[in-house]
C-alpha atoms as a PDB file:
ATOM      1  CA  MET A   1      -4.864  12.013   4.761  1.00  0.00           C
ATOM      2  CA  GLN A   2      -2.876  11.673   1.568  1.00  0.00           C
ATOM      3  CA  LEU A   3      -4.043   8.747  -0.589  1.00  0.00           C
ATOM      4  CA  LEU A   4      -2.177   6.660  -3.139  1.00  0.00           C
ATOM      5  CA  ASN A   5      -3.804   4.568  -5.850  1.00  0.00           C
ATOM      6  CA  VAL A   6      -2.528   1.062  -6.537  1.00  0.00           C
ATOM      7  CA  GLU A   7      -0.220   2.217  -9.344  1.00  0.00           C
ATOM      8  CA  GLN A   8       1.401   4.768  -7.023  1.00  0.00           C
ATOM      9  CA  VAL A   9       1.737   2.129  -4.306  1.00  0.00           C
ATOM     10  CA  ALA A  10       3.415  -0.196  -6.806  1.00  0.00           C
ATOM     11  CA  GLU A  11       5.879   2.526  -7.780  1.00  0.00           C
ATOM     12  CA  LYS A  12       6.668   3.409  -4.147  1.00  0.00           C
ATOM     13  CA  THR A  13       7.117  -0.206  -3.016  1.00  0.00           C
ATOM     14  CA  GLY A  14       8.631  -1.786  -6.102  1.00  0.00           C
ATOM     15  CA  LEU A  15       5.900  -4.452  -6.005  1.00  0.00           C
ATOM     16  CA  SER A  16       3.629  -5.304  -8.907  1.00  0.00           C
ATOM     17  CA  VAL A  17      -0.081  -4.481  -8.694  1.00  0.00           C
ATOM     18  CA  GLN A  18      -0.867  -8.211  -8.529  1.00  0.00           C
ATOM     19  CA  THR A  19       1.596  -8.705  -5.681  1.00  0.00           C
ATOM     20  CA  ILE A  20       0.079  -5.833  -3.722  1.00  0.00           C
ATOM     21  CA  TYR A  21      -3.412  -7.333  -3.945  1.00  0.00           C
ATOM     22  CA  ARG A  22      -2.054 -10.809  -3.113  1.00  0.00           C
ATOM     23  CA  ARG A  23      -0.200  -9.483  -0.046  1.00  0.00           C
ATOM     24  CA  VAL A  24      -3.323  -7.633   1.105  1.00  0.00           C
ATOM     25  CA  ARG A  25      -5.261 -10.923   0.913  1.00  0.00           C
ATOM     26  CA  LEU A  26      -2.470 -12.671   2.842  1.00  0.00           C
ATOM     27  CA  LYS A  27      -2.425  -9.808   5.371  1.00  0.00           C
ATOM     28  CA  THR A  28       1.261  -9.091   4.702  1.00  0.00           C
ATOM     29  CA  PHE A  29       0.549  -5.598   3.322  1.00  0.00           C
ATOM     30  CA  PRO A  30      -1.649  -2.801   4.696  1.00  0.00           C
ATOM     31  CA  PRO A  31      -5.252  -2.946   3.474  1.00  0.00           C
ATOM     32  CA  ALA A  32      -6.766  -0.240   1.310  1.00  0.00           C
ATOM     33  CA  VAL A  33      -8.461   2.533   3.280  1.00  0.00           C
ATOM     34  CA  ASN A  34     -12.144   2.299   4.091  1.00  0.00           C
ATOM     35  CA  SER A  35     -14.203   3.877   1.318  1.00  0.00           C
ATOM     36  CA  MET A  36     -15.743   6.336   3.785  1.00  0.00           C
ATOM     37  CA  TYR A  37     -12.369   8.137   3.818  1.00  0.00           C
ATOM     38  CA  VAL A  38     -12.055   8.254   0.014  1.00  0.00           C
ATOM     39  CA  PRO A  39     -13.490  11.259  -1.838  1.00  0.00           C
ATOM     40  CA  GLU A  40     -16.560  10.437  -3.943  1.00  0.00           C
ATOM     41  CA  LYS A  41     -14.733  10.971  -7.265  1.00  0.00           C
ATOM     42  CA  LEU A  42     -12.099   8.334  -6.307  1.00  0.00           C
ATOM     43  CA  LYS A  43     -14.383   5.592  -4.936  1.00  0.00           C
ATOM     44  CA  ASN A  44     -14.155   3.412  -8.056  1.00  0.00           C
ATOM     45  CA  LYS A  45     -10.559   2.419  -7.193  1.00  0.00           C
ATOM     46  CA  LYS A  46      -8.729   1.201  -4.092  1.00  0.00           C
ATOM     47  CA  HIS A  47      -6.504   3.659  -2.262  1.00  0.00           C
ATOM     48  CA  TRP A  48      -3.943   3.364   0.501  1.00  0.00           C
ATOM     49  CA  ALA A  49      -2.891   5.876   3.117  1.00  0.00           C
ATOM     50  CA  LYS A  50       0.543   7.181   2.162  1.00  0.00           C
ATOM     51  CA  THR A  51       1.685   6.997   5.792  1.00  0.00           C
ATOM     52  CA  GLU A  52       0.844   3.276   6.007  1.00  0.00           C
ATOM     53  CA  VAL A  53       2.654   2.477   2.765  1.00  0.00           C
ATOM     54  CA  THR A  54       5.693   4.464   3.912  1.00  0.00           C
ATOM     55  CA  LYS A  55       5.753   2.576   7.243  1.00  0.00           C
ATOM     56  CA  TRP A  56       5.528  -0.736   5.379  1.00  0.00           C
ATOM     57  CA  VAL A  57       8.406   0.214   3.068  1.00  0.00           C
ATOM     58  CA  LYS A  58      10.602   1.312   5.995  1.00  0.00           C
ATOM     59  CA  SER A  59       9.925  -1.809   8.028  1.00  0.00           C
ATOM     60  CA  ASN A  60      10.612  -4.076   5.079  1.00  0.00           C
ATOM     61  CA  VAL A  61      13.848  -2.314   4.163  1.00  0.00           C
ATOM     62  CA  LYS A  62      15.003  -2.788   7.781  1.00  0.00           C
ATOM     63  CA  ALA A  63      14.045  -6.467   7.647  1.00  0.00           C
ATOM     64  CA  ASP A  64      15.886  -6.939   4.344  1.00  0.00           C
ATOM     65  CA  ASN A  65      19.001  -5.228   5.722  1.00  0.00           C
ATOM     66  CA  ALA A  66      18.911  -7.398   8.869  1.00  0.00           C
ATOM     67  CA  ASN A  67      18.796 -10.538   6.714  1.00  0.00           C
ATOM     68  CA  ALA A  68      21.697  -9.426   4.519  1.00  0.00           C
END
């Protein structure tokens, strides 16, 4: 599983770090992966599965295009 930290997620999605955390709380963005899947050296930060972030981006681009 390829992991992205919050800064990488922000870059990939175009959202700010604050917006990512807010959307996670509102359940409108995928949650960070369970810490049992994060290597020990990375456990001090939240990480997201790249596949989940990519799916979210694709589904939101489709939704934006449908509303245009």
